PDB file of N, CA and C in Angstrom:
ATOM      1  N   MET A   1      -8.718 -87.144  20.983  1.00  0.00           N
ATOM      2  CA  MET A   1      -8.431 -85.724  21.160  1.00  0.00           C
ATOM      3  C   MET A   1      -8.661 -84.994  19.841  1.00  0.00           C
ATOM      4  N   ARG A   2      -9.175 -83.799  19.972  1.00  0.00           N
ATOM      5  CA  ARG A   2      -9.402 -82.996  18.769  1.00  0.00           C
ATOM      6  C   ARG A   2      -8.388 -81.852  18.728  1.00  0.00           C
ATOM      7  N   GLU A   3      -8.137 -81.366  17.539  1.00  0.00           N
ATOM      8  CA  GLU A   3      -7.258 -80.215  17.383  1.00  0.00           C
ATOM      9  C   GLU A   3      -8.129 -78.967  17.314  1.00  0.00           C
ATOM     10  N   ASP A   4      -7.871 -78.022  18.199  1.00  0.00           N
ATOM     11  CA  ASP A   4      -8.683 -76.806  18.268  1.00  0.00           C
ATOM     12  C   ASP A   4      -7.753 -75.607  18.455  1.00  0.00           C
ATOM     13  N   LYS A   5      -7.258 -75.090  17.340  1.00  0.00           N
ATOM     14  CA  LYS A   5      -6.321 -73.965  17.405  1.00  0.00           C
ATOM     15  C   LYS A   5      -6.975 -72.718  17.969  1.00  0.00           C
ATOM     16  N   GLN A   6      -8.250 -72.526  17.671  1.00  0.00           N
ATOM     17  CA  GLN A   6      -8.930 -71.326  18.158  1.00  0.00           C
ATOM     18  C   GLN A   6      -9.002 -71.300  19.679  1.00  0.00           C
ATOM     19  N   LEU A   7      -9.264 -72.451  20.282  1.00  0.00           N
ATOM     20  CA  LEU A   7      -9.312 -72.502  21.747  1.00  0.00           C
ATOM     21  C   LEU A   7      -7.932 -72.251  22.349  1.00  0.00           C
ATOM     22  N   LEU A   8      -6.889 -72.753  21.705  1.00  0.00           N
ATOM     23  CA  LEU A   8      -5.533 -72.482  22.175  1.00  0.00           C
ATOM     24  C   LEU A   8      -5.222 -70.987  22.083  1.00  0.00           C
ATOM     25  N   VAL A   9      -5.628 -70.365  20.988  1.00  0.00           N
ATOM     26  CA  VAL A   9      -5.405 -68.927  20.816  1.00  0.00           C
ATOM     27  C   VAL A   9      -6.166 -68.146  21.889  1.00  0.00           C
ATOM     28  N   VAL A  10      -7.411 -68.525  22.128  1.00  0.00           N
ATOM     29  CA  VAL A  10      -8.214 -67.846  23.154  1.00  0.00           C
ATOM     30  C   VAL A  10      -7.580 -68.032  24.533  1.00  0.00           C
ATOM     31  N   THR A  11      -7.045 -69.212  24.789  1.00  0.00           N
ATOM     32  CA  THR A  11      -6.407 -69.463  26.085  1.00  0.00           C
ATOM     33  C   THR A  11      -5.188 -68.564  26.271  1.00  0.00           C
ATOM     34  N   HIS A  12      -4.383 -68.414  25.217  1.00  0.00           N
ATOM     35  CA  HIS A  12      -3.220 -67.527  25.317  1.00  0.00           C
ATOM     36  C   HIS A  12      -3.664 -66.070  25.494  1.00  0.00           C
ATOM     37  N   LEU A  13      -4.641 -65.651  24.705  1.00  0.00           N
ATOM     38  CA  LEU A  13      -5.077 -64.247  24.761  1.00  0.00           C
ATOM     39  C   LEU A  13      -5.874 -63.921  26.024  1.00  0.00           C
ATOM     40  N   SER A  14      -6.432 -64.943  26.670  1.00  0.00           N
ATOM     41  CA  SER A  14      -7.205 -64.675  27.889  1.00  0.00           C
ATOM     42  C   SER A  14      -6.332 -64.143  29.020  1.00  0.00           C
ATOM     43  N   GLN A  15      -5.014 -64.299  28.890  1.00  0.00           N
ATOM     44  CA  GLN A  15      -4.107 -63.730  29.889  1.00  0.00           C
ATOM     45  C   GLN A  15      -4.177 -62.208  29.904  1.00  0.00           C
ATOM     46  N   LEU A  16      -4.590 -61.620  28.791  1.00  0.00           N
ATOM     47  CA  LEU A  16      -4.668 -60.162  28.691  1.00  0.00           C
ATOM     48  C   LEU A  16      -5.849 -59.589  29.471  1.00  0.00           C
ATOM     49  N   LEU A  17      -6.695 -60.453  30.020  1.00  0.00           N
ATOM     50  CA  LEU A  17      -7.801 -59.967  30.847  1.00  0.00           C
ATOM     51  C   LEU A  17      -7.311 -59.171  32.048  1.00  0.00           C
ATOM     52  N   THR A  18      -6.139 -59.498  32.530  1.00  0.00           N
ATOM     53  CA  THR A  18      -5.583 -58.754  33.656  1.00  0.00           C
ATOM     54  C   THR A  18      -5.395 -57.289  33.284  1.00  0.00           C
ATOM     55  N   CYS A  19      -4.971 -57.025  32.060  1.00  0.00           N
ATOM     56  CA  CYS A  19      -4.776 -55.644  31.609  1.00  0.00           C
ATOM     57  C   CYS A  19      -6.104 -54.905  31.481  1.00  0.00           C
ATOM     58  N   LEU A  20      -7.146 -55.627  31.104  1.00  0.00           N
ATOM     59  CA  LEU A  20      -8.443 -54.991  30.874  1.00  0.00           C
ATOM     60  C   LEU A  20      -9.284 -54.870  32.145  1.00  0.00           C
ATOM     61  N   THR A  21      -9.301 -55.937  32.953  1.00  0.00           N
ATOM     62  CA  THR A  21     -10.199 -55.960  34.094  1.00  0.00           C
ATOM     63  C   THR A  21      -9.486 -55.931  35.438  1.00  0.00           C
ATOM     64  N   GLY A  22      -8.183 -56.190  35.451  1.00  0.00           N
ATOM     65  CA  GLY A  22      -7.450 -56.232  36.701  1.00  0.00           C
ATOM     66  C   GLY A  22      -7.349 -57.619  37.296  1.00  0.00           C
ATOM     67  N   PHE A  23      -8.112 -58.551  36.786  1.00  0.00           N
ATOM     68  CA  PHE A  23      -8.035 -59.939  37.242  1.00  0.00           C
ATOM     69  C   PHE A  23      -8.480 -60.841  36.087  1.00  0.00           C
ATOM     70  N   GLY A  24      -8.356 -62.112  36.262  1.00  0.00           N
ATOM     71  CA  GLY A  24      -8.803 -63.057  35.245  1.00  0.00           C
ATOM     72  C   GLY A  24      -7.698 -63.622  34.385  1.00  0.00           C
ATOM     73  N   GLY A  25      -6.519 -62.996  34.392  1.00  0.00           N
ATOM     74  CA  GLY A  25      -5.417 -63.463  33.571  1.00  0.00           C
ATOM     75  C   GLY A  25      -4.869 -64.804  34.001  1.00  0.00           C
ATOM     76  N   LEU A  26      -5.105 -65.184  35.232  1.00  0.00           N
ATOM     77  CA  LEU A  26      -4.719 -66.500  35.719  1.00  0.00           C
ATOM     78  C   LEU A  26      -5.928 -67.418  35.797  1.00  0.00           C
ATOM     79  N   LEU A  27      -7.052 -66.885  36.209  1.00  0.00           N
ATOM     80  CA  LEU A  27      -8.240 -67.700  36.454  1.00  0.00           C
ATOM     81  C   LEU A  27      -8.815 -68.299  35.170  1.00  0.00           C
ATOM     82  N   VAL A  28      -8.988 -67.507  34.141  1.00  0.00           N
ATOM     83  CA  VAL A  28      -9.611 -68.000  32.902  1.00  0.00           C
ATOM     84  C   VAL A  28      -8.744 -69.063  32.221  1.00  0.00           C
ATOM     85  N   PRO A  29      -7.420 -68.830  32.034  1.00  0.00           N
ATOM     86  CA  PRO A  29      -6.610 -69.910  31.454  1.00  0.00           C
ATOM     87  C   PRO A  29      -6.586 -71.169  32.320  1.00  0.00           C
ATOM     88  N   LEU A  30      -6.625 -70.987  33.647  1.00  0.00           N
ATOM     89  CA  LEU A  30      -6.643 -72.134  34.546  1.00  0.00           C
ATOM     90  C   LEU A  30      -7.909 -72.967  34.346  1.00  0.00           C
ATOM     91  N   VAL A  31      -9.044 -72.310  34.219  1.00  0.00           N
ATOM     92  CA  VAL A  31     -10.305 -73.020  33.994  1.00  0.00           C
ATOM     93  C   VAL A  31     -10.304 -73.691  32.619  1.00  0.00           C
ATOM     94  N   LEU A  32      -9.866 -72.966  31.586  1.00  0.00           N
ATOM     95  CA  LEU A  32      -9.821 -73.557  30.242  1.00  0.00           C
ATOM     96  C   LEU A  32      -8.875 -74.753  30.201  1.00  0.00           C
ATOM     97  N   TRP A  33      -7.711 -74.621  30.803  1.00  0.00           N
ATOM     98  CA  TRP A  33      -6.759 -75.724  30.825  1.00  0.00           C
ATOM     99  C   TRP A  33      -7.324 -76.911  31.607  1.00  0.00           C
ATOM    100  N   GLY A  34      -7.898 -76.636  32.771  1.00  0.00           N
ATOM    101  CA  GLY A  34      -8.423 -77.705  33.614  1.00  0.00           C
ATOM    102  C   GLY A  34      -9.555 -78.481  32.985  1.00  0.00           C
ATOM    103  N   THR A  35     -10.386 -77.806  32.215  1.00  0.00           N
ATOM    104  CA  THR A  35     -11.539 -78.482  31.615  1.00  0.00           C
ATOM    105  C   THR A  35     -11.240 -79.085  30.251  1.00  0.00           C
ATOM    106  N   GLN A  36     -10.233 -78.589  29.548  1.00  0.00           N
ATOM    107  CA  GLN A  36      -9.998 -79.026  28.180  1.00  0.00           C
ATOM    108  C   GLN A  36      -8.690 -79.780  27.964  1.00  0.00           C
ATOM    109  N   LYS A  37      -7.883 -79.977  29.004  1.00  0.00           N
ATOM    110  CA  LYS A  37      -6.557 -80.571  28.812  1.00  0.00           C
ATOM    111  C   LYS A  37      -6.613 -81.997  28.278  1.00  0.00           C
ATOM    112  N   ASP A  38      -7.660 -82.728  28.552  1.00  0.00           N
ATOM    113  CA  ASP A  38      -7.777 -84.099  28.061  1.00  0.00           C
ATOM    114  C   ASP A  38      -8.566 -84.182  26.758  1.00  0.00           C
ATOM    115  N   LYS A  39      -9.108 -83.072  26.310  1.00  0.00           N
ATOM    116  CA  LYS A  39      -9.957 -83.081  25.121  1.00  0.00           C
ATOM    117  C   LYS A  39      -9.317 -82.437  23.898  1.00  0.00           C
ATOM    118  N   VAL A  40      -8.430 -81.477  24.116  1.00  0.00           N
ATOM    119  CA  VAL A  40      -7.839 -80.711  23.015  1.00  0.00           C
ATOM    120  C   VAL A  40      -6.351 -81.023  22.932  1.00  0.00           C
ATOM    121  N   PHE A  41      -5.909 -81.334  21.715  1.00  0.00           N
ATOM    122  CA  PHE A  41      -4.503 -81.634  21.472  1.00  0.00           C
ATOM    123  C   PHE A  41      -3.643 -80.413  21.798  1.00  0.00           C
ATOM    124  N   ALA A  42      -2.570 -80.598  22.541  1.00  0.00           N
ATOM    125  CA  ALA A  42      -1.591 -79.580  22.942  1.00  0.00           C
ATOM    126  C   ALA A  42      -2.095 -78.640  24.036  1.00  0.00           C
ATOM    127  N   MET A  43      -3.321 -78.794  24.492  1.00  0.00           N
ATOM    128  CA  MET A  43      -3.835 -77.915  25.553  1.00  0.00           C
ATOM    129  C   MET A  43      -3.105 -78.161  26.869  1.00  0.00           C
ATOM    130  N   ASP A  44      -2.774 -79.414  27.163  1.00  0.00           N
ATOM    131  CA  ASP A  44      -2.115 -79.705  28.432  1.00  0.00           C
ATOM    132  C   ASP A  44      -0.751 -79.025  28.497  1.00  0.00           C
ATOM    133  N   LYS A  45       0.051 -79.165  27.461  1.00  0.00           N
ATOM    134  CA  LYS A  45       1.389 -78.566  27.439  1.00  0.00           C
ATOM    135  C   LYS A  45       1.318 -77.043  27.462  1.00  0.00           C
ATOM    136  N   GLN A  46       0.511 -76.470  26.586  1.00  0.00           N
ATOM    137  CA  GLN A  46       0.427 -75.009  26.510  1.00  0.00           C
ATOM    138  C   GLN A  46      -0.267 -74.418  27.727  1.00  0.00           C
ATOM    139  N   GLY A  47      -1.244 -75.118  28.259  1.00  0.00           N
ATOM    140  CA  GLY A  47      -1.908 -74.647  29.475  1.00  0.00           C
ATOM    141  C   GLY A  47      -0.961 -74.577  30.655  1.00  0.00           C
ATOM    142  N   LYS A  48      -0.101 -75.597  30.785  1.00  0.00           N
ATOM    143  CA  LYS A  48       0.899 -75.584  31.858  1.00  0.00           C
ATOM    144  C   LYS A  48       1.867 -74.419  31.680  1.00  0.00           C
ATOM    145  N   GLU A  49       2.268 -74.153  30.435  1.00  0.00           N
ATOM    146  CA  GLU A  49       3.163 -73.031  30.175  1.00  0.00           C
ATOM    147  C   GLU A  49       2.509 -71.705  30.567  1.00  0.00           C
ATOM    148  N   ILE A  50       1.233 -71.564  30.240  1.00  0.00           N
ATOM    149  CA  ILE A  50       0.507 -70.328  30.552  1.00  0.00           C
ATOM    150  C   ILE A  50       0.390 -70.149  32.070  1.00  0.00           C
ATOM    151  N   ILE A  51       0.013 -71.199  32.782  1.00  0.00           N
ATOM    152  CA  ILE A  51      -0.143 -71.110  34.233  1.00  0.00           C
ATOM    153  C   ILE A  51       1.200 -70.798  34.885  1.00  0.00           C
ATOM    154  N   ASN A  52       2.261 -71.482  34.438  1.00  0.00           N
ATOM    155  CA  ASN A  52       3.596 -71.195  34.976  1.00  0.00           C
ATOM    156  C   ASN A  52       4.003 -69.751  34.714  1.00  0.00           C
ATOM    157  N   PHE A  53       3.698 -69.254  33.516  1.00  0.00           N
ATOM    158  CA  PHE A  53       4.043 -67.871  33.166  1.00  0.00           C
ATOM    159  C   PHE A  53       3.280 -66.885  34.044  1.00  0.00           C
ATOM    160  N   GLN A  54       1.993 -67.098  34.228  1.00  0.00           N
ATOM    161  CA  GLN A  54       1.192 -66.185  35.035  1.00  0.00           C
ATOM    162  C   GLN A  54       1.632 -66.191  36.503  1.00  0.00           C
ATOM    163  N   LEU A  55       1.913 -67.369  37.034  1.00  0.00           N
ATOM    164  CA  LEU A  55       2.400 -67.435  38.416  1.00  0.00           C
ATOM    165  C   LEU A  55       3.765 -66.754  38.547  1.00  0.00           C
ATOM    166  N   SER A  56       4.615 -66.921  37.547  1.00  0.00           N
ATOM    167  CA  SER A  56       5.923 -66.266  37.559  1.00  0.00           C
ATOM    168  C   SER A  56       5.784 -64.753  37.513  1.00  0.00           C
ATOM    169  N   ILE A  57       4.878 -64.253  36.686  1.00  0.00           N
ATOM    170  CA  ILE A  57       4.636 -62.810  36.588  1.00  0.00           C
ATOM    171  C   ILE A  57       4.173 -62.260  37.942  1.00  0.00           C
ATOM    172  N   ILE A  58       3.307 -62.996  38.609  1.00  0.00           N
ATOM    173  CA  ILE A  58       2.824 -62.562  39.925  1.00  0.00           C
ATOM    174  C   ILE A  58       3.985 -62.497  40.914  1.00  0.00           C
ATOM    175  N   ILE A  59       4.829 -63.512  40.922  1.00  0.00           N
ATOM    176  CA  ILE A  59       5.981 -63.545  41.851  1.00  0.00           C
ATOM    177  C   ILE A  59       6.940 -62.405  41.548  1.00  0.00           C
ATOM    178  N   TYR A  60       7.263 -62.207  40.259  1.00  0.00           N
ATOM    179  CA  TYR A  60       8.185 -61.122  39.899  1.00  0.00           C
ATOM    180  C   TYR A  60       7.603 -59.759  40.272  1.00  0.00           C
ATOM    181  N   SER A  61       6.305 -59.591  40.122  1.00  0.00           N
ATOM    182  CA  SER A  61       5.667 -58.325  40.502  1.00  0.00           C
ATOM    183  C   SER A  61       5.750 -58.111  42.015  1.00  0.00           C
ATOM    184  N   LEU A  62       5.528 -59.177  42.771  1.00  0.00           N
ATOM    185  CA  LEU A  62       5.625 -59.067  44.231  1.00  0.00           C
ATOM    186  C   LEU A  62       7.044 -58.743  44.677  1.00  0.00           C
ATOM    187  N   ILE A  63       8.030 -59.241  43.952  1.00  0.00           N
ATOM    188  CA  ILE A  63       9.423 -58.925  44.274  1.00  0.00           C
ATOM    189  C   ILE A  63       9.720 -57.452  43.984  1.00  0.00           C
ATOM    190  N   CYS A  64       9.110 -56.907  42.927  1.00  0.00           N
ATOM    191  CA  CYS A  64       9.371 -55.513  42.542  1.00  0.00           C
ATOM    192  C   CYS A  64       8.767 -54.504  43.518  1.00  0.00           C
ATOM    193  N   ILE A  65       7.719 -54.879  44.234  1.00  0.00           N
ATOM    194  CA  ILE A  65       7.055 -53.924  45.123  1.00  0.00           C
ATOM    195  C   ILE A  65       7.999 -53.403  46.212  1.00  0.00           C
ATOM    196  N   PRO A  66       8.705 -54.269  46.945  1.00  0.00           N
ATOM    197  CA  PRO A  66       9.636 -53.703  47.934  1.00  0.00           C
ATOM    198  C   PRO A  66      10.815 -52.970  47.299  1.00  0.00           C
ATOM    199  N   LEU A  67      11.157 -53.352  46.067  1.00  0.00           N
ATOM    200  CA  LEU A  67      12.261 -52.673  45.397  1.00  0.00           C
ATOM    201  C   LEU A  67      11.913 -51.224  45.048  1.00  0.00           C
ATOM    202  N   ILE A  68      10.630 -50.910  44.979  1.00  0.00           N
ATOM    203  CA  ILE A  68      10.218 -49.522  44.757  1.00  0.00           C
ATOM    204  C   ILE A  68      10.644 -48.671  45.954  1.00  0.00           C
ATOM    205  N   LEU A  69      10.423 -49.192  47.137  1.00  0.00           N
ATOM    206  CA  LEU A  69      10.752 -48.451  48.352  1.00  0.00           C
ATOM    207  C   LEU A  69      12.245 -48.433  48.640  1.00  0.00           C
ATOM    208  N   LEU A  70      12.916 -49.532  48.332  1.00  0.00           N
ATOM    209  CA  LEU A  70      14.333 -49.634  48.673  1.00  0.00           C
ATOM    210  C   LEU A  70      15.231 -48.945  47.658  1.00  0.00           C
ATOM    211  N   LEU A  71      15.049 -49.266  46.405  1.00  0.00           N
ATOM    212  CA  LEU A  71      15.989 -48.777  45.406  1.00  0.00           C
ATOM    213  C   LEU A  71      15.346 -47.920  44.313  1.00  0.00           C
ATOM    214  N   GLY A  72      14.052 -47.940  44.230  1.00  0.00           N
ATOM    215  CA  GLY A  72      13.390 -47.225  43.148  1.00  0.00           C
ATOM    216  C   GLY A  72      13.413 -47.971  41.827  1.00  0.00           C
ATOM    217  N   LEU A  73      14.107 -49.089  41.792  1.00  0.00           N
ATOM    218  CA  LEU A  73      14.189 -49.873  40.563  1.00  0.00           C
ATOM    219  C   LEU A  73      12.943 -50.724  40.333  1.00  0.00           C
ATOM    220  N   GLY A  74      12.126 -50.842  41.339  1.00  0.00           N
ATOM    221  CA  GLY A  74      10.911 -51.636  41.223  1.00  0.00           C
ATOM    222  C   GLY A  74       9.961 -51.104  40.178  1.00  0.00           C
ATOM    223  N   VAL A  75       9.954 -49.785  40.003  1.00  0.00           N
ATOM    224  CA  VAL A  75       9.074 -49.192  38.986  1.00  0.00           C
ATOM    225  C   VAL A  75       9.513 -49.649  37.598  1.00  0.00           C
ATOM    226  N   LEU A  76      10.800 -49.600  37.344  1.00  0.00           N
ATOM    227  CA  LEU A  76      11.328 -50.078  36.068  1.00  0.00           C
ATOM    228  C   LEU A  76      11.024 -51.561  35.883  1.00  0.00           C
ATOM    229  N   GLY A  77      11.181 -52.336  36.942  1.00  0.00           N
ATOM    230  CA  GLY A  77      10.865 -53.761  36.889  1.00  0.00           C
ATOM    231  C   GLY A  77       9.405 -54.013  36.572  1.00  0.00           C
ATOM    232  N   LEU A  78       8.506 -53.260  37.195  1.00  0.00           N
ATOM    233  CA  LEU A  78       7.076 -53.430  36.922  1.00  0.00           C
ATOM    234  C   LEU A  78       6.717 -53.044  35.487  1.00  0.00           C
ATOM    235  N   ILE A  79       7.373 -52.021  34.954  1.00  0.00           N
ATOM    236  CA  ILE A  79       7.130 -51.640  33.558  1.00  0.00           C
ATOM    237  C   ILE A  79       7.574 -52.756  32.619  1.00  0.00           C
ATOM    238  N   ILE A  80       8.750 -53.309  32.871  1.00  0.00           N
ATOM    239  CA  ILE A  80       9.251 -54.397  32.031  1.00  0.00           C
ATOM    240  C   ILE A  80       8.351 -55.625  32.148  1.00  0.00           C
ATOM    241  N   ILE A  81       7.937 -55.960  33.354  1.00  0.00           N
ATOM    242  CA  ILE A  81       7.030 -57.093  33.556  1.00  0.00           C
ATOM    243  C   ILE A  81       5.709 -56.852  32.839  1.00  0.00           C
ATOM    244  N   GLY A  82       5.206 -55.626  32.897  1.00  0.00           N
ATOM    245  CA  GLY A  82       3.962 -55.302  32.202  1.00  0.00           C
ATOM    246  C   GLY A  82       4.081 -55.483  30.697  1.00  0.00           C
ATOM    247  N   LEU A  83       5.183 -55.029  30.125  1.00  0.00           N
ATOM    248  CA  LEU A  83       5.391 -55.190  28.684  1.00  0.00           C
ATOM    249  C   LEU A  83       5.526 -56.658  28.297  1.00  0.00           C
ATOM    250  N   ILE A  84       6.249 -57.422  29.097  1.00  0.00           N
ATOM    251  CA  ILE A  84       6.408 -58.851  28.831  1.00  0.00           C
ATOM    252  C   ILE A  84       5.068 -59.573  28.936  1.00  0.00           C
ATOM    253  N   SER A  85       4.272 -59.197  29.946  1.00  0.00           N
ATOM    254  CA  SER A  85       2.988 -59.882  30.136  1.00  0.00           C
ATOM    255  C   SER A  85       1.969 -59.525  29.068  1.00  0.00           C
ATOM    256  N   ILE A  86       2.211 -58.480  28.302  1.00  0.00           N
ATOM    257  CA  ILE A  86       1.344 -58.152  27.165  1.00  0.00           C
ATOM    258  C   ILE A  86       1.883 -58.777  25.882  1.00  0.00           C
ATOM    259  N   ALA A  87       3.197 -58.696  25.680  1.00  0.00           N
ATOM    260  CA  ALA A  87       3.779 -59.124  24.409  1.00  0.00           C
ATOM    261  C   ALA A  87       3.747 -60.637  24.217  1.00  0.00           C
ATOM    262  N   PHE A  88       4.157 -61.391  25.208  1.00  0.00           N
ATOM    263  CA  PHE A  88       4.305 -62.830  25.002  1.00  0.00           C
ATOM    264  C   PHE A  88       2.996 -63.590  24.839  1.00  0.00           C
ATOM    265  N   PRO A  89       1.898 -63.225  25.511  1.00  0.00           N
ATOM    266  CA  PRO A  89       0.640 -63.903  25.176  1.00  0.00           C
ATOM    267  C   PRO A  89       0.225 -63.675  23.714  1.00  0.00           C
ATOM    268  N   ILE A  90       0.456 -62.476  23.194  1.00  0.00           N
ATOM    269  CA  ILE A  90       0.102 -62.195  21.796  1.00  0.00           C
ATOM    270  C   ILE A  90       1.005 -62.989  20.851  1.00  0.00           C
ATOM    271  N   ILE A  91       2.309 -62.974  21.121  1.00  0.00           N
ATOM    272  CA  ILE A  91       3.255 -63.718  20.281  1.00  0.00           C
ATOM    273  C   ILE A  91       2.923 -65.206  20.287  1.00  0.00           C
ATOM    274  N   ASN A  92       2.648 -65.754  21.469  1.00  0.00           N
ATOM    275  CA  ASN A  92       2.365 -67.185  21.557  1.00  0.00           C
ATOM    276  C   ASN A  92       0.985 -67.548  21.022  1.00  0.00           C
ATOM    277  N   ALA A  93       0.044 -66.641  21.042  1.00  0.00           N
ATOM    278  CA  ALA A  93      -1.246 -66.901  20.397  1.00  0.00           C
ATOM    279  C   ALA A  93      -1.055 -67.032  18.892  1.00  0.00           C
ATOM    280  N   ILE A  94      -0.219 -66.171  18.328  1.00  0.00           N
ATOM    281  CA  ILE A  94       0.075 -66.270  16.893  1.00  0.00           C
ATOM    282  C   ILE A  94       0.801 -67.571  16.594  1.00  0.00           C
ATOM    283  N   ARG A  95       1.747 -67.940  17.438  1.00  0.00           N
ATOM    284  CA  ARG A  95       2.473 -69.202  17.247  1.00  0.00           C
ATOM    285  C   ARG A  95       1.536 -70.399  17.360  1.00  0.00           C
ATOM    286  N   ALA A  96       0.623 -70.371  18.309  1.00  0.00           N
ATOM    287  CA  ALA A  96      -0.323 -71.481  18.476  1.00  0.00           C
ATOM    288  C   ALA A  96      -1.231 -71.594  17.262  1.00  0.00           C
ATOM    289  N   ASN A  97      -1.617 -70.468  16.705  1.00  0.00           N
ATOM    290  CA  ASN A  97      -2.467 -70.481  15.520  1.00  0.00           C
ATOM    291  C   ASN A  97      -1.728 -71.064  14.312  1.00  0.00           C
ATOM    292  N   ASN A  98      -0.415 -70.876  14.260  1.00  0.00           N
ATOM    293  CA  ASN A  98       0.394 -71.380  13.146  1.00  0.00           C
ATOM    294  C   ASN A  98       0.992 -72.751  13.433  1.00  0.00           C
ATOM    295  N   ASN A  99       0.558 -73.418  14.494  1.00  0.00           N
ATOM    296  CA  ASN A  99       1.069 -74.731  14.908  1.00  0.00           C
ATOM    297  C   ASN A  99       2.568 -74.712  15.171  1.00  0.00           C
ATOM    298  N   GLU A 100       3.076 -73.613  15.691  1.00  0.00           N
ATOM    299  CA  GLU A 100       4.485 -73.502  16.058  1.00  0.00           C
ATOM    300  C   GLU A 100       4.633 -73.726  17.557  1.00  0.00           C
ATOM    301  N   VAL A 101       5.854 -73.950  17.984  1.00  0.00           N
ATOM    302  CA  VAL A 101       6.137 -74.174  19.408  1.00  0.00           C
ATOM    303  C   VAL A 101       6.005 -72.853  20.165  1.00  0.00           C
ATOM    304  N   THR A 102       5.273 -72.884  21.267  1.00  0.00           N
ATOM    305  CA  THR A 102       5.122 -71.690  22.103  1.00  0.00           C
ATOM    306  C   THR A 102       6.174 -71.704  23.198  1.00  0.00           C
ATOM    307  N   ASN A 103       6.571 -70.512  23.628  1.00  0.00           N
ATOM    308  CA  ASN A 103       7.612 -70.397  24.644  1.00  0.00           C
ATOM    309  C   ASN A 103       7.385 -69.135  25.467  1.00  0.00           C
ATOM    310  N   TYR A 104       7.374 -69.305  26.777  1.00  0.00           N
ATOM    311  CA  TYR A 104       7.292 -68.167  27.685  1.00  0.00           C
ATOM    312  C   TYR A 104       8.614 -68.067  28.430  1.00  0.00           C
ATOM    313  N   PRO A 105       9.387 -67.014  28.187  1.00  0.00           N
ATOM    314  CA  PRO A 105      10.683 -66.892  28.863  1.00  0.00           C
ATOM    315  C   PRO A 105      10.508 -66.517  30.330  1.00  0.00           C
ATOM    316  N   MET A 106      11.516 -66.779  31.091  1.00  0.00           N
ATOM    317  CA  MET A 106      11.565 -66.427  32.509  1.00  0.00           C
ATOM    318  C   MET A 106      10.471 -67.088  33.344  1.00  0.00           C
ATOM    319  N   SER A 107       9.895 -68.171  32.852  1.00  0.00           N
ATOM    320  CA  SER A 107       8.860 -68.861  33.612  1.00  0.00           C
ATOM    321  C   SER A 107       9.486 -69.831  34.600  1.00  0.00           C
ATOM    322  N   ILE A 108       8.993 -69.784  35.799  1.00  0.00           N
ATOM    323  CA  ILE A 108       9.392 -70.749  36.823  1.00  0.00           C
ATOM    324  C   ILE A 108       8.472 -71.950  36.659  1.00  0.00           C
ATOM    325  N   ARG A 109       9.021 -73.135  36.643  1.00  0.00           N
ATOM    326  CA  ARG A 109       8.231 -74.353  36.439  1.00  0.00           C
ATOM    327  C   ARG A 109       7.575 -74.793  37.747  1.00  0.00           C
ATOM    328  N   PHE A 110       6.352 -74.342  37.966  1.00  0.00           N
ATOM    329  CA  PHE A 110       5.573 -74.781  39.112  1.00  0.00           C
ATOM    330  C   PHE A 110       4.858 -76.080  38.790  1.00  0.00           C
ATOM    331  N   ILE A 111       4.347 -76.170  37.573  1.00  0.00           N
ATOM    332  CA  ILE A 111       3.609 -77.335  37.093  1.00  0.00           C
ATOM    333  C   ILE A 111       4.410 -77.959  35.958  1.00  0.00           C
ATOM    334  N   ASN A 112       4.726 -79.240  36.074  1.00  0.00           N
ATOM    335  CA  ASN A 112       5.469 -79.932  35.006  1.00  0.00           C
ATOM    336  C   ASN A 112       4.576 -80.820  34.209  1.00  0.00           C
TER     337      ASN A 112
END
């Protein structure tokens, strides 16, 4: 296995594609993780964290949609989810570049 911090950083930052293009924030990290998990040191662990985080963000967003109609709190929830989905990929990309432990809060563990 090789150590490739740049690829780890790109994998974390590729989640921001959703903000730019509307899609790709799950697909690109999934492809990078799937193809590089056995070749790059720490890619398997961090890739699983990224996929779990993206799936969790999707679920939380889907939960907020009916809350818009019922309570109006869904809009606030979507704003908070949007800020979290921008901030934590950037924070964890910096951590990955510095060989620090990455952490995505509020992630549901779909993949262990």
